[in-house]
N, C-alpha and C. Protein backbone atom coordinates (compact mmCIF):
# COMPACT_ATOMS: atom_id res chain seq x y z
N MET A 1 -10.29 39.71 -17.45
CA MET A 1 -9.76 39.65 -18.84
C MET A 1 -8.94 38.50 -18.91
N ALA A 2 -9.02 37.56 -19.84
CA ALA A 2 -8.21 36.47 -20.20
C ALA A 2 -6.72 36.81 -20.16
N GLY A 3 -5.82 36.25 -19.66
CA GLY A 3 -4.51 36.58 -19.72
C GLY A 3 -3.95 37.54 -18.67
N SER A 4 -4.80 38.19 -17.90
CA SER A 4 -4.40 39.10 -17.01
C SER A 4 -3.66 38.63 -15.75
N PHE A 5 -3.58 37.27 -15.80
CA PHE A 5 -2.76 36.49 -14.70
C PHE A 5 -1.29 36.72 -15.20
N GLY A 6 -0.90 37.00 -16.45
CA GLY A 6 0.36 37.23 -16.85
C GLY A 6 1.31 37.92 -16.02
N PRO A 7 1.00 39.27 -15.84
CA PRO A 7 2.02 40.07 -15.02
C PRO A 7 2.23 39.52 -13.67
N ILE A 8 1.32 39.02 -13.13
CA ILE A 8 1.53 38.33 -11.68
C ILE A 8 2.44 37.09 -11.75
N ALA A 9 2.20 36.27 -12.82
CA ALA A 9 2.89 35.04 -13.12
C ALA A 9 4.39 35.37 -13.36
N VAL A 10 4.73 36.38 -14.16
CA VAL A 10 6.07 36.92 -14.27
C VAL A 10 6.60 37.42 -12.99
N LYS A 11 5.89 38.19 -12.32
CA LYS A 11 6.37 38.85 -11.10
C LYS A 11 6.83 37.88 -9.94
N VAL A 12 5.99 36.80 -9.79
CA VAL A 12 6.18 35.75 -8.67
C VAL A 12 7.48 34.94 -9.28
N LEU A 13 7.52 34.68 -10.42
CA LEU A 13 8.66 33.85 -10.95
C LEU A 13 9.99 34.51 -10.66
N LEU A 14 9.94 35.99 -11.03
CA LEU A 14 11.17 36.68 -10.91
C LEU A 14 11.65 36.86 -9.44
N GLU A 15 10.57 37.03 -8.59
CA GLU A 15 10.84 37.31 -7.17
C GLU A 15 10.82 36.09 -6.23
N ALA A 16 10.72 34.86 -6.90
CA ALA A 16 10.66 33.74 -6.00
C ALA A 16 11.91 33.53 -5.20
N ARG A 17 13.07 33.74 -5.79
CA ARG A 17 14.29 33.66 -4.99
C ARG A 17 14.38 34.48 -3.87
N GLN A 18 13.75 35.69 -3.74
CA GLN A 18 13.78 36.57 -2.62
C GLN A 18 12.71 36.18 -1.69
N ARG A 19 11.84 35.27 -2.18
CA ARG A 19 10.78 34.76 -1.23
C ARG A 19 9.76 36.02 -0.77
N CYS A 20 9.50 36.78 -1.80
CA CYS A 20 8.73 38.06 -1.67
C CYS A 20 7.27 37.74 -1.58
N LEU A 21 6.78 36.55 -2.11
CA LEU A 21 5.36 36.27 -2.12
C LEU A 21 5.19 34.91 -1.78
N PRO A 22 4.02 34.69 -1.29
CA PRO A 22 3.56 33.31 -0.71
C PRO A 22 4.06 32.16 -1.75
N ILE A 23 4.57 31.04 -1.06
CA ILE A 23 5.11 29.92 -1.99
C ILE A 23 4.03 29.35 -2.80
N ARG A 24 2.79 29.29 -2.23
CA ARG A 24 1.69 28.69 -3.13
C ARG A 24 1.37 29.45 -4.32
N LEU A 25 1.43 30.79 -4.11
CA LEU A 25 1.19 31.62 -5.35
C LEU A 25 2.32 31.51 -6.38
N VAL A 26 3.46 31.25 -5.90
CA VAL A 26 4.60 31.11 -6.75
C VAL A 26 4.39 29.59 -7.65
N VAL A 27 3.91 28.67 -6.81
CA VAL A 27 3.74 27.53 -7.55
C VAL A 27 2.57 27.62 -8.58
N VAL A 28 1.44 28.31 -8.30
CA VAL A 28 0.48 28.39 -9.22
C VAL A 28 0.98 29.08 -10.42
N ALA A 29 1.81 30.12 -10.38
CA ALA A 29 2.40 30.82 -11.33
C ALA A 29 3.29 29.84 -12.19
N ARG A 30 4.04 29.13 -11.66
CA ARG A 30 4.84 28.08 -12.38
C ARG A 30 4.01 27.02 -13.11
N LEU A 31 2.87 26.51 -12.50
CA LEU A 31 1.93 25.77 -13.21
C LEU A 31 1.39 26.54 -14.54
N TRP A 32 1.08 27.61 -14.31
CA TRP A 32 0.41 28.32 -15.46
C TRP A 32 1.37 28.38 -16.65
N VAL A 33 2.71 28.75 -16.32
CA VAL A 33 3.83 28.84 -17.26
C VAL A 33 4.05 27.59 -17.89
N LEU A 34 3.98 26.53 -17.02
CA LEU A 34 4.40 25.05 -17.45
C LEU A 34 3.33 24.72 -18.53
N PHE A 35 2.02 24.88 -18.21
CA PHE A 35 0.92 24.38 -19.07
C PHE A 35 0.51 25.23 -20.12
N PHE A 36 0.58 26.54 -20.10
CA PHE A 36 0.06 27.48 -21.04
C PHE A 36 0.97 28.47 -21.65
N SER A 37 1.98 28.95 -20.97
CA SER A 37 2.41 30.34 -21.32
C SER A 37 3.71 30.46 -21.77
N GLN A 38 4.14 31.77 -22.41
CA GLN A 38 5.27 32.07 -22.73
C GLN A 38 5.73 33.50 -22.15
N VAL A 39 6.89 33.65 -21.53
CA VAL A 39 7.19 34.79 -20.89
C VAL A 39 8.00 35.63 -21.95
N VAL A 40 7.47 37.00 -22.15
CA VAL A 40 8.19 37.85 -23.00
C VAL A 40 9.17 38.84 -22.34
N CYS A 41 10.36 38.75 -22.34
CA CYS A 41 11.20 39.86 -21.59
C CYS A 41 11.87 40.73 -22.50
N CYS A 42 12.03 41.94 -22.10
CA CYS A 42 12.71 43.02 -23.04
C CYS A 42 14.19 42.96 -22.60
N GLU A 43 14.95 43.77 -23.29
CA GLU A 43 16.40 43.77 -23.18
C GLU A 43 16.58 44.61 -21.86
N ASP A 44 15.88 45.44 -21.43
CA ASP A 44 16.10 46.18 -20.14
C ASP A 44 15.71 45.36 -18.95
N GLY A 45 15.25 44.04 -19.19
CA GLY A 45 14.98 43.29 -18.08
C GLY A 45 13.49 43.26 -17.69
N SER A 46 12.53 44.15 -18.24
CA SER A 46 11.26 44.26 -17.85
C SER A 46 10.49 43.12 -18.63
N CYS A 47 9.44 42.79 -18.12
CA CYS A 47 8.69 41.58 -18.81
C CYS A 47 7.38 42.05 -19.14
N GLY A 48 6.83 41.51 -20.26
CA GLY A 48 5.55 41.66 -20.65
C GLY A 48 4.54 40.87 -20.28
N ALA A 49 3.61 40.55 -20.80
CA ALA A 49 2.46 39.64 -20.44
C ALA A 49 2.70 38.23 -20.73
N VAL A 50 2.13 37.24 -19.99
CA VAL A 50 2.25 35.89 -20.29
C VAL A 50 1.00 35.55 -21.11
N ARG A 51 1.37 34.96 -22.26
CA ARG A 51 0.22 34.79 -23.25
C ARG A 51 -0.43 33.32 -23.05
N ALA A 52 -1.60 33.32 -22.56
CA ALA A 52 -2.07 31.96 -22.29
C ALA A 52 -2.61 31.34 -23.61
N GLY A 53 -2.39 30.12 -23.82
CA GLY A 53 -2.69 29.35 -24.91
C GLY A 53 -4.22 28.78 -24.92
N GLY A 54 -4.51 28.41 -23.44
CA GLY A 54 -5.70 27.71 -23.25
C GLY A 54 -6.90 28.67 -23.15
N GLY A 55 -6.76 29.79 -22.57
CA GLY A 55 -7.82 30.75 -22.41
C GLY A 55 -8.69 30.35 -21.20
N GLY A 56 -9.55 31.00 -20.79
CA GLY A 56 -10.73 30.81 -19.97
C GLY A 56 -10.30 30.99 -18.42
N ALA A 57 -9.00 31.58 -18.21
CA ALA A 57 -8.77 31.89 -16.93
C ALA A 57 -8.42 33.42 -16.78
N GLY A 58 -8.65 34.00 -15.84
CA GLY A 58 -8.39 35.41 -15.68
C GLY A 58 -7.35 35.60 -14.54
N ALA A 59 -7.68 36.60 -13.85
CA ALA A 59 -6.51 36.86 -12.83
C ALA A 59 -6.38 36.16 -11.73
N VAL A 60 -5.26 36.12 -11.15
CA VAL A 60 -4.91 35.40 -10.00
C VAL A 60 -4.64 36.40 -8.83
N GLY A 61 -5.14 36.32 -7.85
CA GLY A 61 -4.72 37.12 -6.52
C GLY A 61 -4.58 36.49 -5.36
N GLU A 62 -4.61 37.24 -4.30
CA GLU A 62 -4.65 36.53 -2.95
C GLU A 62 -5.56 36.95 -1.96
N VAL A 63 -5.83 36.12 -1.06
CA VAL A 63 -6.99 36.43 0.01
C VAL A 63 -6.15 36.92 1.11
N SER A 64 -6.57 38.04 1.56
CA SER A 64 -5.85 38.71 2.62
C SER A 64 -5.90 37.91 3.94
N GLY A 65 -4.69 37.93 4.58
CA GLY A 65 -4.64 37.23 5.89
C GLY A 65 -3.69 37.92 6.61
N PRO A 66 -3.43 37.42 7.86
CA PRO A 66 -2.51 37.98 8.97
C PRO A 66 -1.07 38.01 8.51
N ALA A 67 -0.80 36.91 7.87
CA ALA A 67 0.68 36.83 7.42
C ALA A 67 0.80 36.55 5.82
N GLU A 68 1.74 36.97 5.17
CA GLU A 68 1.84 36.89 3.71
C GLU A 68 2.01 35.44 3.29
N ARG A 69 2.79 34.71 4.17
CA ARG A 69 2.97 33.30 3.62
C ARG A 69 1.82 32.49 3.98
N GLU A 70 0.77 32.81 4.60
CA GLU A 70 -0.45 32.02 4.80
C GLU A 70 -1.56 32.46 3.71
N GLN A 71 -1.35 33.46 2.85
CA GLN A 71 -2.34 33.83 1.99
C GLN A 71 -2.60 32.67 0.84
N THR A 72 -3.77 32.76 0.68
CA THR A 72 -4.26 31.63 -0.25
C THR A 72 -4.42 32.14 -1.74
N PRO A 73 -3.89 31.38 -2.68
CA PRO A 73 -4.21 31.76 -4.12
C PRO A 73 -5.55 31.76 -4.58
N VAL A 74 -6.13 32.71 -5.31
CA VAL A 74 -7.40 32.65 -6.00
C VAL A 74 -7.36 32.81 -7.40
N LEU A 75 -8.00 32.02 -8.13
CA LEU A 75 -8.01 32.07 -9.69
C LEU A 75 -9.54 32.42 -9.96
N GLN A 76 -9.43 33.66 -10.53
CA GLN A 76 -10.72 34.45 -11.13
C GLN A 76 -11.04 33.79 -12.56
N THR A 77 -11.95 32.86 -12.77
CA THR A 77 -12.19 32.46 -14.22
C THR A 77 -13.24 33.48 -14.95
N ASN A 78 -13.18 33.30 -16.14
CA ASN A 78 -14.06 34.07 -16.93
C ASN A 78 -15.45 33.71 -16.88
N ASN A 79 -15.80 32.41 -16.55
CA ASN A 79 -17.17 31.96 -16.54
C ASN A 79 -17.38 31.14 -15.32
N GLY A 80 -18.14 31.57 -14.27
CA GLY A 80 -18.18 30.82 -12.98
C GLY A 80 -17.51 31.54 -11.91
N PRO A 81 -17.58 30.89 -10.69
CA PRO A 81 -17.18 31.53 -9.41
C PRO A 81 -15.58 31.32 -9.34
N SER A 82 -14.96 32.22 -8.68
CA SER A 82 -13.67 32.01 -8.45
C SER A 82 -13.21 30.81 -7.80
N LEU A 83 -11.92 30.27 -8.08
CA LEU A 83 -11.46 29.08 -7.50
C LEU A 83 -10.52 29.54 -6.45
N ILE A 84 -10.73 28.84 -5.25
CA ILE A 84 -9.74 29.26 -4.13
C ILE A 84 -9.08 27.98 -3.73
N GLY A 85 -7.73 28.03 -3.40
CA GLY A 85 -7.07 27.01 -2.91
C GLY A 85 -6.10 26.37 -3.87
N PHE A 86 -4.98 26.12 -3.25
CA PHE A 86 -3.84 25.55 -3.93
C PHE A 86 -4.09 24.24 -4.92
N ILE A 87 -4.55 23.24 -4.23
CA ILE A 87 -4.92 21.97 -4.72
C ILE A 87 -6.09 22.16 -5.99
N THR A 88 -7.13 22.97 -5.67
CA THR A 88 -8.21 23.09 -6.45
C THR A 88 -7.80 23.86 -7.81
N ILE A 89 -6.85 24.90 -7.65
CA ILE A 89 -6.42 25.65 -8.82
C ILE A 89 -5.44 24.72 -9.68
N ALA A 90 -4.58 24.14 -8.97
CA ALA A 90 -3.62 23.14 -9.64
C ALA A 90 -4.49 22.19 -10.60
N ALA A 91 -5.53 21.52 -10.02
CA ALA A 91 -6.19 20.53 -10.73
C ALA A 91 -7.06 21.30 -11.85
N HIS A 92 -7.50 22.36 -11.71
CA HIS A 92 -8.33 22.98 -12.60
C HIS A 92 -7.30 23.42 -13.96
N LEU A 93 -6.10 23.95 -13.68
CA LEU A 93 -5.11 24.22 -14.70
C LEU A 93 -4.86 22.99 -15.53
N VAL A 94 -4.64 21.96 -14.72
CA VAL A 94 -4.24 20.75 -15.50
C VAL A 94 -5.35 20.28 -16.53
N LYS A 95 -6.70 20.35 -15.99
CA LYS A 95 -7.74 20.00 -16.86
C LYS A 95 -7.96 20.96 -17.90
N GLN A 96 -7.84 22.30 -17.61
CA GLN A 96 -7.84 23.30 -18.62
C GLN A 96 -6.77 23.09 -19.83
N ALA A 97 -5.73 22.59 -19.42
CA ALA A 97 -4.56 22.31 -20.37
C ALA A 97 -4.80 20.96 -21.05
N LYS A 98 -5.95 20.21 -20.77
CA LYS A 98 -6.24 19.06 -21.41
C LYS A 98 -5.15 17.93 -21.06
N LYS A 99 -4.62 17.85 -19.93
CA LYS A 99 -3.77 16.97 -19.43
C LYS A 99 -4.26 16.23 -18.22
N GLU A 100 -5.41 15.69 -18.42
CA GLU A 100 -6.04 15.06 -17.12
C GLU A 100 -5.23 13.83 -16.78
N GLN A 101 -4.61 13.27 -17.69
CA GLN A 101 -3.63 12.11 -17.29
C GLN A 101 -2.61 12.50 -16.18
N LEU A 102 -2.38 13.80 -15.97
CA LEU A 102 -1.63 14.18 -14.70
C LEU A 102 -2.22 13.99 -13.43
N LEU A 103 -3.51 13.71 -13.48
CA LEU A 103 -4.40 13.51 -12.34
C LEU A 103 -4.59 12.08 -11.94
N GLY A 104 -3.96 11.33 -12.98
CA GLY A 104 -4.27 9.79 -12.76
C GLY A 104 -5.03 9.18 -13.75
N SER A 105 -4.70 8.06 -14.22
CA SER A 105 -5.50 7.31 -15.26
C SER A 105 -6.46 6.30 -14.73
N THR A 106 -6.19 5.94 -13.73
CA THR A 106 -7.17 4.87 -12.99
C THR A 106 -7.65 5.43 -11.68
N ALA A 107 -8.68 4.83 -11.17
CA ALA A 107 -9.21 5.28 -10.02
C ALA A 107 -8.30 5.18 -8.61
N GLU A 108 -7.38 4.07 -8.74
CA GLU A 108 -6.33 3.97 -7.87
C GLU A 108 -5.30 5.03 -7.92
N GLU A 109 -4.89 5.29 -9.13
CA GLU A 109 -3.85 6.33 -9.52
C GLU A 109 -4.23 7.77 -9.03
N LYS A 110 -5.61 8.08 -9.39
CA LYS A 110 -6.25 9.37 -8.87
C LYS A 110 -6.20 9.46 -7.44
N ALA A 111 -6.43 8.31 -6.68
CA ALA A 111 -6.40 8.40 -5.14
C ALA A 111 -4.99 8.72 -4.63
N VAL A 112 -3.97 8.04 -5.41
CA VAL A 112 -2.57 8.21 -5.01
C VAL A 112 -2.19 9.53 -5.18
N VAL A 113 -2.54 10.16 -6.24
CA VAL A 113 -2.19 11.50 -6.57
C VAL A 113 -2.82 12.58 -5.71
N GLN A 114 -4.02 12.16 -5.31
CA GLN A 114 -4.75 13.21 -4.48
C GLN A 114 -4.02 13.09 -2.91
N GLN A 115 -3.65 11.88 -2.62
CA GLN A 115 -2.95 11.57 -1.28
C GLN A 115 -1.74 12.41 -1.27
N TRP A 116 -0.93 12.50 -2.46
CA TRP A 116 0.31 13.11 -2.33
C TRP A 116 0.17 14.67 -2.43
N LEU A 117 -0.78 15.05 -3.18
CA LEU A 117 -1.16 16.66 -3.13
C LEU A 117 -1.41 17.03 -1.78
N GLU A 118 -2.42 16.29 -1.09
CA GLU A 118 -2.65 16.66 0.33
C GLU A 118 -1.32 16.67 1.25
N TYR A 119 -0.60 15.64 0.99
CA TYR A 119 0.75 15.50 1.77
C TYR A 119 1.61 16.69 1.57
N ARG A 120 1.70 17.25 0.18
CA ARG A 120 2.50 18.31 -0.11
C ARG A 120 1.94 19.71 0.80
N VAL A 121 0.59 19.81 0.85
CA VAL A 121 -0.04 20.91 1.56
C VAL A 121 0.05 20.80 2.93
N THR A 122 -0.15 19.68 3.67
CA THR A 122 -0.22 19.37 5.02
C THR A 122 1.09 19.22 5.61
N ARG A 123 1.99 18.49 5.08
CA ARG A 123 3.24 18.19 5.64
C ARG A 123 4.42 18.90 5.09
N VAL A 124 4.57 19.07 3.68
CA VAL A 124 5.78 19.56 3.17
C VAL A 124 5.68 21.21 3.48
N ASP A 125 4.49 21.78 3.06
CA ASP A 125 4.18 23.21 3.27
C ASP A 125 4.18 23.48 4.79
N GLY A 126 3.88 22.69 5.74
CA GLY A 126 4.01 22.86 7.07
C GLY A 126 5.20 22.50 7.78
N CYS A 127 6.27 22.03 7.07
CA CYS A 127 7.47 21.84 7.55
C CYS A 127 8.16 23.09 8.27
N SER A 128 8.47 22.79 9.49
CA SER A 128 8.90 23.93 10.23
C SER A 128 10.32 23.80 11.04
N SER A 129 10.84 22.48 11.01
CA SER A 129 12.01 22.23 11.75
C SER A 129 12.85 21.16 10.96
N LYS A 130 13.99 21.02 11.41
CA LYS A 130 14.73 19.95 10.99
C LYS A 130 14.37 18.56 11.30
N GLU A 131 13.62 18.28 12.42
CA GLU A 131 13.02 17.13 12.53
C GLU A 131 11.74 16.79 11.62
N ASP A 132 11.13 17.79 11.24
CA ASP A 132 9.91 17.51 10.34
C ASP A 132 10.51 17.34 8.85
N THR A 133 11.63 17.97 8.53
CA THR A 133 12.29 17.62 7.25
C THR A 133 12.84 16.27 7.38
N ARG A 134 13.38 15.82 8.40
CA ARG A 134 14.06 14.45 8.40
C ARG A 134 12.94 13.40 8.38
N ILE A 135 11.82 13.56 8.90
CA ILE A 135 10.64 12.61 8.77
C ILE A 135 10.08 12.51 7.33
N ILE A 136 10.02 13.68 6.76
CA ILE A 136 9.40 13.81 5.32
C ILE A 136 10.39 12.91 4.51
N LEU A 137 11.66 13.34 4.45
CA LEU A 137 12.68 12.75 3.75
C LEU A 137 12.70 11.18 3.99
N LYS A 138 12.61 10.70 5.21
CA LYS A 138 12.65 9.25 5.51
C LYS A 138 11.30 8.60 4.88
N ASP A 139 10.15 9.33 5.09
CA ASP A 139 8.95 8.69 4.73
C ASP A 139 9.08 8.45 3.13
N LEU A 140 9.49 9.60 2.42
CA LEU A 140 9.54 9.50 1.05
C LEU A 140 10.64 8.37 0.50
N ASN A 141 11.67 8.41 1.20
CA ASN A 141 12.67 7.55 0.83
C ASN A 141 12.30 6.01 0.99
N THR A 142 11.64 5.68 1.75
CA THR A 142 11.05 4.28 2.06
C THR A 142 9.91 4.05 0.96
N TYR A 143 9.12 5.15 0.70
CA TYR A 143 7.98 4.96 -0.27
C TYR A 143 8.55 4.72 -1.71
N LEU A 144 9.62 5.43 -2.00
CA LEU A 144 10.18 5.59 -3.45
C LEU A 144 11.13 4.31 -3.56
N GLU A 145 11.34 3.61 -2.82
CA GLU A 145 12.29 2.32 -2.87
C GLU A 145 12.14 1.56 -4.26
N ASP A 146 10.76 1.45 -4.38
CA ASP A 146 10.45 0.45 -5.67
C ASP A 146 9.67 1.28 -6.80
N LYS A 147 9.71 2.55 -6.63
CA LYS A 147 8.90 3.38 -7.50
C LYS A 147 9.67 4.39 -8.42
N VAL A 148 9.25 4.55 -9.66
CA VAL A 148 9.92 5.56 -10.42
C VAL A 148 9.25 7.02 -10.02
N TYR A 149 7.88 6.98 -9.95
CA TYR A 149 7.09 8.19 -9.64
C TYR A 149 6.33 8.02 -8.38
N LEU A 150 5.77 8.95 -7.96
CA LEU A 150 4.85 9.05 -6.78
C LEU A 150 3.59 8.20 -6.98
N ALA A 151 3.14 8.20 -8.18
CA ALA A 151 2.08 7.23 -8.54
C ALA A 151 2.33 5.95 -9.27
N GLY A 152 3.55 5.56 -8.89
CA GLY A 152 4.06 4.28 -9.42
C GLY A 152 4.84 4.38 -10.75
N ASN A 153 4.26 4.16 -11.87
CA ASN A 153 5.09 4.21 -13.02
C ASN A 153 4.44 5.40 -14.01
N SER A 154 3.80 6.13 -13.49
CA SER A 154 3.05 7.37 -14.26
C SER A 154 3.50 8.67 -13.57
N PHE A 155 4.07 9.69 -14.47
CA PHE A 155 4.38 11.02 -14.02
C PHE A 155 3.00 11.72 -13.95
N THR A 156 2.81 12.29 -12.92
CA THR A 156 1.62 13.06 -12.45
C THR A 156 1.90 14.42 -11.83
N LEU A 157 0.91 15.08 -11.61
CA LEU A 157 0.88 16.36 -10.95
C LEU A 157 1.47 16.29 -9.56
N ALA A 158 1.44 15.15 -8.92
CA ALA A 158 2.03 14.87 -7.64
C ALA A 158 3.44 15.14 -7.68
N ASP A 159 4.03 14.53 -8.70
CA ASP A 159 5.57 14.61 -8.88
C ASP A 159 5.94 16.12 -9.08
N ILE A 160 5.20 16.83 -9.96
CA ILE A 160 5.36 18.16 -10.23
C ILE A 160 5.32 19.03 -8.83
N LEU A 161 4.25 19.01 -8.15
CA LEU A 161 4.18 19.77 -6.97
C LEU A 161 4.98 19.45 -5.72
N MET A 162 5.25 18.07 -5.76
CA MET A 162 6.22 17.61 -4.62
C MET A 162 7.61 18.15 -4.99
N TYR A 163 7.93 18.28 -6.25
CA TYR A 163 9.35 18.68 -6.67
C TYR A 163 9.43 20.09 -6.21
N TYR A 164 8.57 20.99 -6.56
CA TYR A 164 8.54 22.47 -6.23
C TYR A 164 8.58 22.50 -4.60
N GLY A 165 7.89 21.66 -3.98
CA GLY A 165 7.95 21.83 -2.54
C GLY A 165 9.24 21.35 -1.95
N LEU A 166 9.70 20.45 -2.51
CA LEU A 166 10.88 19.90 -1.82
C LEU A 166 12.26 20.59 -2.35
N HIS A 167 12.09 21.44 -3.45
CA HIS A 167 13.46 21.98 -3.98
C HIS A 167 14.27 22.69 -3.05
N PRO A 168 13.64 23.57 -2.14
CA PRO A 168 14.56 24.27 -1.20
C PRO A 168 15.25 23.31 -0.22
N ILE A 169 14.42 22.27 0.07
CA ILE A 169 15.00 21.26 1.09
C ILE A 169 16.36 20.56 0.47
N MET A 170 15.95 20.08 -0.78
CA MET A 170 17.09 19.26 -1.53
C MET A 170 18.18 20.19 -1.93
N ALA A 171 18.00 21.41 -2.10
CA ALA A 171 19.06 22.27 -2.42
C ALA A 171 20.06 22.63 -1.23
N ASP A 172 19.50 22.36 -0.06
CA ASP A 172 20.30 22.66 1.27
C ASP A 172 21.00 21.30 1.68
N LEU A 173 20.71 20.04 1.18
CA LEU A 173 21.08 18.94 1.76
C LEU A 173 22.76 18.66 1.30
N THR A 174 23.57 18.25 2.31
CA THR A 174 24.79 17.99 1.82
C THR A 174 24.89 16.75 0.97
N VAL A 175 26.11 16.54 0.50
CA VAL A 175 26.29 15.24 -0.38
C VAL A 175 25.97 13.99 0.43
N GLN A 176 26.36 13.94 1.67
CA GLN A 176 26.11 12.85 2.46
C GLN A 176 24.73 12.64 2.83
N GLU A 177 23.91 13.73 2.97
CA GLU A 177 22.50 13.48 3.24
C GLU A 177 21.81 13.20 1.93
N LYS A 178 22.26 13.50 0.78
CA LYS A 178 21.67 13.21 -0.45
C LYS A 178 21.75 11.74 -0.65
N GLU A 179 23.03 11.25 -0.26
CA GLU A 179 23.13 9.67 -0.36
C GLU A 179 22.42 8.86 0.65
N LYS A 180 22.22 9.54 1.88
CA LYS A 180 21.37 8.91 2.97
C LYS A 180 19.99 8.78 2.47
N TYR A 181 19.51 9.63 1.79
CA TYR A 181 18.04 9.51 1.24
C TYR A 181 18.21 9.28 -0.47
N LEU A 182 18.79 8.23 -0.69
CA LEU A 182 19.13 7.83 -2.14
C LEU A 182 18.03 7.74 -3.15
N ASN A 183 16.93 7.29 -2.49
CA ASN A 183 15.57 7.04 -3.40
C ASN A 183 14.98 8.29 -3.75
N VAL A 184 14.97 9.17 -2.69
CA VAL A 184 14.42 10.59 -2.87
C VAL A 184 15.24 11.32 -3.87
N SER A 185 16.65 11.20 -3.71
CA SER A 185 17.43 11.91 -4.62
C SER A 185 17.44 11.37 -6.05
N ARG A 186 17.31 10.17 -6.22
CA ARG A 186 17.10 9.63 -7.65
C ARG A 186 15.86 10.07 -8.17
N TRP A 187 14.74 10.16 -7.40
CA TRP A 187 13.41 10.66 -7.87
C TRP A 187 13.46 11.97 -8.23
N PHE A 188 14.10 12.81 -7.27
CA PHE A 188 14.10 14.38 -7.52
C PHE A 188 15.09 14.78 -8.78
N ASN A 189 16.07 13.92 -8.85
CA ASN A 189 16.94 14.34 -10.09
C ASN A 189 16.23 13.89 -11.39
N HIS A 190 15.45 12.87 -11.30
CA HIS A 190 14.59 12.55 -12.65
C HIS A 190 13.61 13.52 -12.77
N ILE A 191 13.00 13.99 -11.92
CA ILE A 191 11.88 15.06 -12.11
C ILE A 191 12.33 16.33 -12.52
N GLN A 192 13.48 16.75 -11.96
CA GLN A 192 13.99 18.09 -12.30
C GLN A 192 14.40 18.14 -13.77
N HIS A 193 14.67 16.99 -14.27
CA HIS A 193 15.09 16.91 -15.69
C HIS A 193 14.03 16.54 -16.64
N TYR A 194 12.77 16.51 -16.03
CA TYR A 194 11.72 16.19 -16.89
C TYR A 194 11.28 17.48 -17.70
N PRO A 195 11.09 17.34 -18.95
CA PRO A 195 10.86 18.56 -19.91
C PRO A 195 9.99 19.63 -19.24
N GLY A 196 10.27 20.88 -19.10
CA GLY A 196 9.59 21.98 -18.72
C GLY A 196 9.24 21.97 -17.18
N VAL A 197 9.79 21.22 -16.31
CA VAL A 197 9.35 21.21 -14.88
C VAL A 197 10.20 22.16 -14.15
N ARG A 198 11.52 22.10 -14.27
CA ARG A 198 12.37 22.98 -13.45
C ARG A 198 12.15 24.44 -13.60
N GLN A 199 12.02 24.88 -14.89
CA GLN A 199 11.93 26.42 -15.22
C GLN A 199 12.95 27.19 -14.57
N HIS A 200 12.70 28.17 -13.65
CA HIS A 200 13.74 28.94 -13.11
C HIS A 200 14.28 28.49 -11.93
N LEU A 201 13.95 27.40 -11.55
CA LEU A 201 14.69 26.82 -10.31
C LEU A 201 16.14 26.36 -10.66
N SER A 202 16.98 26.47 -9.60
CA SER A 202 18.36 25.97 -9.70
C SER A 202 18.44 24.54 -9.98
N ASN A 203 19.36 24.09 -10.59
CA ASN A 203 19.59 22.61 -10.90
C ASN A 203 20.42 22.16 -9.58
N VAL A 204 19.61 21.27 -8.91
CA VAL A 204 20.43 20.53 -7.62
C VAL A 204 21.34 19.54 -8.21
N ILE A 205 22.47 19.68 -7.67
CA ILE A 205 23.52 18.69 -8.21
C ILE A 205 23.72 17.48 -7.41
N PHE A 206 23.58 16.29 -8.25
CA PHE A 206 23.91 14.97 -7.48
C PHE A 206 25.02 14.33 -8.16
N ILE A 207 25.55 13.23 -7.42
CA ILE A 207 26.59 12.49 -7.86
C ILE A 207 26.05 11.24 -8.71
N LYS A 208 25.76 11.29 -9.89
CA LYS A 208 25.10 10.28 -10.68
C LYS A 208 25.39 8.90 -10.60
N ASN A 209 26.73 8.43 -10.36
CA ASN A 209 27.16 7.21 -10.29
C ASN A 209 26.65 6.60 -8.92
N ARG A 210 26.47 7.52 -7.88
CA ARG A 210 25.95 7.05 -6.59
C ARG A 210 24.59 6.69 -6.64
N LEU A 211 23.82 7.68 -7.36
CA LEU A 211 22.36 7.68 -7.41
C LEU A 211 21.95 6.32 -7.99
N TYR A 212 22.53 5.88 -8.99
CA TYR A 212 22.03 4.67 -9.82
C TYR A 212 22.78 3.40 -9.58
N THR A 213 23.59 3.38 -8.52
CA THR A 213 24.33 2.24 -8.26
C THR A 213 23.61 1.06 -7.80
N ASN A 214 22.36 1.53 -6.99
CA ASN A 214 21.43 0.41 -6.43
C ASN A 214 20.14 0.61 -6.99
N ALA A 215 20.09 1.31 -8.22
CA ALA A 215 18.64 1.46 -8.87
C ALA A 215 17.87 0.31 -9.04
N HIS A 216 16.62 0.37 -8.91
CA HIS A 216 15.68 -0.71 -9.09
C HIS A 216 15.17 -0.81 -10.59
């Protein structure tokens, strides 16, 4: 049934801070709310369905696995087979919302977006140590030295998903670390203030006069 995704979207958004559900399912829920939905909450704190404006998508569940954090999101569409996998579902929701420009406008942009979506899954989601975090931030800081967005001058799905993936990392950085990775901090601060992106995530604080002192 169309819209049956709703209660799951509400649940994962409410429980994200407790990390009760796999991070990729949380992100899929955030994308759904970002592109289609409105959450209706009652005075007692309970929430109703998320009403999808685009239609065409059904329930989202998880593939059973040995560990909850490794479970894979599954999107059951009304017509056709289920869609499995983080990147596949994200791209589908973008197209369903008729926001294909978020996947890139040119062949080159599309390739760059795909590159960063894969980086999000393979590197950011797989980050398991402080050294992994350091390498990721260093790589991104170098890459973003002369760029506004990950795909150059265009805001894309890569920026949204990398923002969600990096949020817990950026939120834990000290002021000195944020200044050390100044280009990443500038990009992150810009994306978190992009309309509709941050949603229920906390606002990460930056010292703005430091961020833009050496802006390109």
